[in-house]
């Protein structure tokens, strides 16, 4: 008999909450060894170049306190630090934070934390939410909770940068990017993408040590108009870019939706 191992269990959502809840897909997947194996070779140079362009555009003061929200293993946090920010990184994945802390850059502080919950108050000049680290949730009010928490953490007139996928382009090109595979350290990952109920869903399957595994990634297809509505109670949109070179956003062609917004 074959068994499929899906890493989902019941654990505390956060040390700041006492109740027990079911782990969401991102908690199980992002904290697994296989997530880090599949995505271990992300483009560090691209991240560094993007942060350099952002820094030149934003013109922060040296040592400006910045939060990397959903920092993963810290590649953007390290780039922000190199560009003069005083950086804190938070992520729900304890394994990601453990690896980020191995950077040996003692000037950067990393913490396990749920982005839906406030982290400090009136402390940061900048919050960076990069590489589609938003829209993971089943309920739309959870997106609002994230933005409320960011609003609380920012100083007056503080800046939030959101780097998200371009939902319109994803919908237009999903058929040509529906399936893929990659072999990493002897593990062959196969995936298939689909759009369902306003989400782009990526089903990932593989076998390791003769055991089959399945994981699912799910991100809301939030358009520019969706973000306008979500942001309006808390932030004012100042700039909209469409790629990591900070070119103008084109809904039908841009690979990214990058928003620079100011705290109201």
Protein backbone atom coordinates (compact mmCIF):
# COMPACT_ATOMS: atom_id res chain seq x y z
CA UNK A 1 0.00 0.00 0.00
CA UNK A 2 1.31 3.47 -0.90
CA UNK A 3 0.96 6.39 1.46
CA UNK A 4 1.17 10.09 0.55
CA UNK A 5 2.83 12.22 3.22
CA UNK A 6 1.30 15.68 3.54
CA UNK A 7 2.97 17.74 6.26
CA UNK A 8 0.04 19.20 8.13
CA UNK A 9 -0.43 19.06 11.87
CA UNK A 10 -2.00 20.91 14.77
CA UNK A 11 0.32 23.42 16.49
CA UNK A 12 0.15 26.86 18.08
CA UNK A 13 -0.15 29.55 15.40
CA UNK A 14 2.05 31.90 17.39
CA UNK A 15 3.45 32.26 20.88
CA UNK A 16 1.33 35.41 21.01
CA UNK A 17 -1.89 33.35 20.67
CA UNK A 18 -2.97 30.76 23.18
CA UNK A 19 -5.46 28.87 21.03
CA UNK A 20 -4.54 25.86 18.89
CA UNK A 21 -5.30 26.00 15.17
CA UNK A 22 -4.65 23.88 12.10
CA UNK A 23 -1.48 24.76 10.28
CA UNK A 24 -2.01 26.52 6.97
CA UNK A 25 -0.27 25.32 3.81
CA UNK A 26 2.48 27.92 4.11
CA UNK A 27 3.35 26.95 7.67
CA UNK A 28 3.90 23.30 6.76
CA UNK A 29 5.53 23.86 3.37
CA UNK A 30 7.82 26.79 4.19
CA UNK A 31 9.13 25.00 7.25
CA UNK A 32 9.90 21.76 5.42
CA UNK A 33 13.29 20.59 4.23
CA UNK A 34 11.90 20.13 0.72
CA UNK A 35 10.82 23.76 0.32
CA UNK A 36 14.38 24.88 0.99
CA UNK A 37 15.69 22.18 -1.35
CA UNK A 38 13.40 23.21 -4.23
CA UNK A 39 13.99 26.94 -3.89
CA UNK A 40 17.57 26.89 -2.66
CA UNK A 41 19.10 28.51 -5.74
CA UNK A 42 17.15 31.75 -5.99
CA UNK A 43 18.88 34.60 -7.77
CA UNK A 44 20.91 36.47 -5.15
CA UNK A 45 22.29 38.93 -7.69
CA UNK A 46 18.81 39.88 -8.86
CA UNK A 47 17.79 40.55 -5.24
CA UNK A 48 20.88 42.70 -4.64
CA UNK A 49 20.31 44.73 -7.82
CA UNK A 50 16.64 45.25 -7.00
CA UNK A 51 17.39 46.46 -3.48
CA UNK A 52 20.10 48.80 -4.80
CA UNK A 53 17.64 50.37 -7.26
CA UNK A 54 14.99 50.65 -4.54
CA UNK A 55 17.47 52.29 -2.18
CA UNK A 56 18.53 54.80 -4.82
CA UNK A 57 14.87 55.60 -5.44
CA UNK A 58 13.79 55.83 -1.79
CA UNK A 59 16.88 57.74 -0.60
CA UNK A 60 16.67 56.64 3.05
CA UNK A 61 18.84 58.10 5.77
CA UNK A 62 21.79 55.93 6.76
CA UNK A 63 20.74 53.49 9.45
CA UNK A 64 17.01 53.87 8.78
CA UNK A 65 15.16 51.09 10.65
CA UNK A 66 13.59 48.66 8.17
CA UNK A 67 11.52 45.50 8.52
CA UNK A 68 11.78 42.65 6.02
CA UNK A 69 8.28 41.19 6.35
CA UNK A 70 8.28 37.52 5.37
CA UNK A 71 12.06 37.50 5.12
CA UNK A 72 12.56 33.80 4.36
CA UNK A 73 16.23 32.92 4.58
CA UNK A 74 17.24 36.59 4.61
CA UNK A 75 18.55 37.31 1.12
CA UNK A 76 16.67 40.62 0.86
CA UNK A 77 17.41 41.49 4.50
CA UNK A 78 21.14 41.07 3.84
CA UNK A 79 20.90 43.22 0.70
CA UNK A 80 19.01 45.90 2.65
CA UNK A 81 21.70 45.85 5.32
CA UNK A 82 24.42 46.28 2.68
CA UNK A 83 22.56 49.33 1.40
CA UNK A 84 22.58 51.10 4.74
CA UNK A 85 19.36 50.04 6.46
CA UNK A 86 19.18 48.85 10.06
CA UNK A 87 17.31 45.64 9.37
CA UNK A 88 14.97 43.35 11.26
CA UNK A 89 13.61 40.25 9.51
CA UNK A 90 10.55 38.28 10.53
CA UNK A 91 9.07 35.07 9.14
CA UNK A 92 6.67 32.38 10.33
CA UNK A 93 9.09 29.61 9.31
CA UNK A 94 11.44 28.74 12.16
CA UNK A 95 13.73 26.87 9.76
CA UNK A 96 14.00 29.91 7.49
CA UNK A 97 14.85 32.13 10.46
CA UNK A 98 17.39 29.58 11.69
CA UNK A 99 19.13 29.65 8.32
CA UNK A 100 18.89 33.44 8.01
CA UNK A 101 20.56 33.79 11.41
CA UNK A 102 23.58 31.89 10.08
CA UNK A 103 24.48 34.92 7.93
CA UNK A 104 26.81 36.03 10.74
CA UNK A 105 25.68 39.62 10.23
CA UNK A 106 25.02 40.47 13.85
CA UNK A 107 23.61 43.84 12.85
CA UNK A 108 20.50 42.08 11.46
CA UNK A 109 17.93 40.72 13.91
CA UNK A 110 15.75 37.80 12.83
CA UNK A 111 12.60 36.62 14.60
CA UNK A 112 9.92 33.97 14.13
CA UNK A 113 6.70 35.96 13.90
CA UNK A 114 3.28 35.89 12.21
CA UNK A 115 2.88 38.90 9.90
CA UNK A 116 -0.81 39.12 10.83
CA UNK A 117 0.22 40.21 14.33
CA UNK A 118 1.80 43.57 15.24
CA UNK A 119 5.57 43.65 15.59
CA UNK A 120 6.76 46.77 17.46
CA UNK A 121 4.93 50.10 17.32
CA UNK A 122 5.86 53.31 15.48
CA UNK A 123 9.37 51.94 15.06
CA UNK A 124 10.21 51.41 11.38
CA UNK A 125 10.83 53.95 8.63
CA UNK A 126 10.36 51.23 6.01
CA UNK A 127 8.66 47.86 5.71
CA UNK A 128 9.54 45.63 2.76
CA UNK A 129 7.22 42.79 1.74
CA UNK A 130 9.03 41.20 -1.19
CA UNK A 131 8.90 38.28 -3.61
CA UNK A 132 5.15 37.62 -3.34
CA UNK A 133 5.01 37.26 0.44
CA UNK A 134 1.37 38.37 0.62
CA UNK A 135 -2.03 36.92 -0.23
CA UNK A 136 -1.45 33.46 1.24
CA UNK A 137 -4.57 33.42 3.37
CA UNK A 138 -8.00 31.85 3.02
CA UNK A 139 -9.87 34.89 4.35
CA UNK A 140 -9.51 38.38 2.95
CA UNK A 141 -9.67 39.99 6.38
CA UNK A 142 -6.32 38.33 7.12
CA UNK A 143 -4.76 40.53 4.44
CA UNK A 144 -6.24 43.48 6.31
CA UNK A 145 -4.71 42.19 9.54
CA UNK A 146 -1.29 42.20 7.86
CA UNK A 147 -1.73 45.79 6.70
CA UNK A 148 -2.98 46.88 10.12
CA UNK A 149 0.09 45.30 11.72
CA UNK A 150 2.39 47.06 9.23
CA UNK A 151 0.60 50.36 9.86
CA UNK A 152 1.17 49.92 13.60
CA UNK A 153 4.86 49.17 13.14
CA UNK A 154 5.62 52.12 10.85
CA UNK A 155 6.44 55.61 12.04
CA UNK A 156 4.28 58.49 10.83
CA UNK A 157 4.71 58.86 7.04
CA UNK A 158 6.60 55.56 6.97
CA UNK A 159 6.89 53.62 3.71
CA UNK A 160 5.68 50.14 2.79
CA UNK A 161 7.03 48.41 -0.33
CA UNK A 162 5.02 45.46 -1.69
CA UNK A 163 6.51 43.28 -4.44
CA UNK A 164 3.77 41.01 -5.79
CA UNK A 165 3.01 38.98 -8.89
CA UNK A 166 1.04 40.61 -11.73
CA UNK A 167 -2.25 38.73 -11.46
CA UNK A 168 -3.45 39.75 -14.91
CA UNK A 169 -0.32 38.40 -16.61
CA UNK A 170 -0.51 35.17 -14.59
CA UNK A 171 -4.07 34.61 -15.78
CA UNK A 172 -3.06 35.30 -19.38
CA UNK A 173 -0.04 32.97 -19.36
CA UNK A 174 -1.09 30.14 -17.03
CA UNK A 175 -1.62 27.70 -19.90
CA UNK A 176 1.96 28.06 -21.17
CA UNK A 177 3.44 27.67 -17.66
CA UNK A 178 1.08 25.03 -16.30
CA UNK A 179 3.56 22.20 -15.71
CA UNK A 180 7.22 21.94 -14.78
CA UNK A 181 9.84 19.82 -13.05
CA UNK A 182 13.26 20.13 -11.48
CA UNK A 183 15.76 17.64 -10.07
CA UNK A 184 17.61 18.81 -6.95
CA UNK A 185 20.03 16.54 -5.07
CA UNK A 186 18.41 13.48 -6.59
CA UNK A 187 14.83 14.53 -5.78
CA UNK A 188 12.66 15.15 -8.85
CA UNK A 189 10.02 17.79 -8.13
CA UNK A 190 6.99 17.90 -10.44
CA UNK A 191 4.41 20.66 -10.31
CA UNK A 192 1.22 21.73 -11.98
CA UNK A 193 -0.41 25.15 -11.75
CA UNK A 194 -4.06 26.08 -12.02
CA UNK A 195 -6.36 28.98 -11.23
CA UNK A 196 -9.23 28.25 -8.87
CA UNK A 197 -11.56 30.53 -6.86
CA UNK A 198 -9.36 33.58 -7.27
CA UNK A 199 -6.08 31.83 -6.40
CA UNK A 200 -3.17 30.57 -8.44
CA UNK A 201 -2.47 27.11 -7.06
CA UNK A 202 0.73 25.11 -7.52
CA UNK A 203 0.53 21.40 -6.70
CA UNK A 204 3.98 19.96 -6.03
CA UNK A 205 4.70 16.23 -5.91
CA UNK A 206 7.87 14.17 -5.54
CA UNK A 207 9.25 10.95 -4.12
CA UNK A 208 12.09 10.69 -1.63
CA UNK A 209 13.37 7.48 -0.07
CA UNK A 210 10.55 5.64 -1.86
CA UNK A 211 7.94 7.80 -0.10
CA UNK A 212 5.61 10.02 -2.17
CA UNK A 213 4.96 13.58 -0.94
CA UNK A 214 2.52 16.29 -1.93
CA UNK A 215 2.46 20.00 -1.12
CA UNK A 216 0.32 22.85 -2.37
CA UNK A 217 1.16 26.53 -2.73
CA UNK A 218 -1.75 28.97 -2.98
CA UNK A 219 -1.61 32.72 -3.60
CA UNK A 220 -4.50 35.10 -4.16
CA UNK A 221 -4.63 36.72 -7.60
CA UNK A 222 -4.78 40.26 -6.24
CA UNK A 223 -4.93 42.93 -8.94
CA UNK A 224 -3.90 46.57 -8.68
CA UNK A 225 -7.53 47.47 -7.99
CA UNK A 226 -7.67 44.86 -5.22
CA UNK A 227 -4.61 46.41 -3.60
CA UNK A 228 -6.09 49.91 -3.93
CA UNK A 229 -9.10 48.74 -1.93
CA UNK A 230 -7.05 46.87 0.67
CA UNK A 231 -4.55 49.67 1.17
CA UNK A 232 -6.93 52.63 1.18
CA UNK A 233 -7.80 52.65 4.93
CA UNK A 234 -4.14 52.68 5.94
CA UNK A 235 -1.88 53.82 3.10
CA UNK A 236 -1.63 56.10 0.10
CA UNK A 237 -0.10 54.68 -3.08
CA UNK A 238 2.75 56.88 -4.30
CA UNK A 239 4.49 54.81 -6.99
CA UNK A 240 3.70 51.72 -9.07
CA UNK A 241 6.40 49.73 -10.89
CA UNK A 242 6.21 46.62 -13.06
CA UNK A 243 9.58 44.88 -12.70
CA UNK A 244 12.81 44.73 -10.74
CA UNK A 245 14.31 47.49 -12.91
CA UNK A 246 11.53 49.80 -11.69
CA UNK A 247 9.98 50.26 -15.09
CA UNK A 248 6.43 51.57 -15.34
CA UNK A 249 3.68 49.04 -14.57
CA UNK A 250 1.78 47.64 -17.55
CA UNK A 251 -1.09 45.36 -16.54
CA UNK A 252 -0.77 43.19 -19.66
CA UNK A 253 3.02 42.90 -19.85
CA UNK A 254 4.74 43.58 -16.53
CA UNK A 255 6.02 40.51 -14.67
CA UNK A 256 5.60 42.15 -11.26
CA UNK A 257 3.37 44.60 -9.39
CA UNK A 258 5.56 46.71 -7.11
CA UNK A 259 3.81 49.26 -4.90
CA UNK A 260 5.44 52.00 -2.85
CA UNK A 261 2.92 53.35 -0.37
CA UNK A 262 2.94 55.89 2.47
CA UNK A 263 1.34 55.47 5.90
CA UNK A 264 -1.70 57.69 6.37
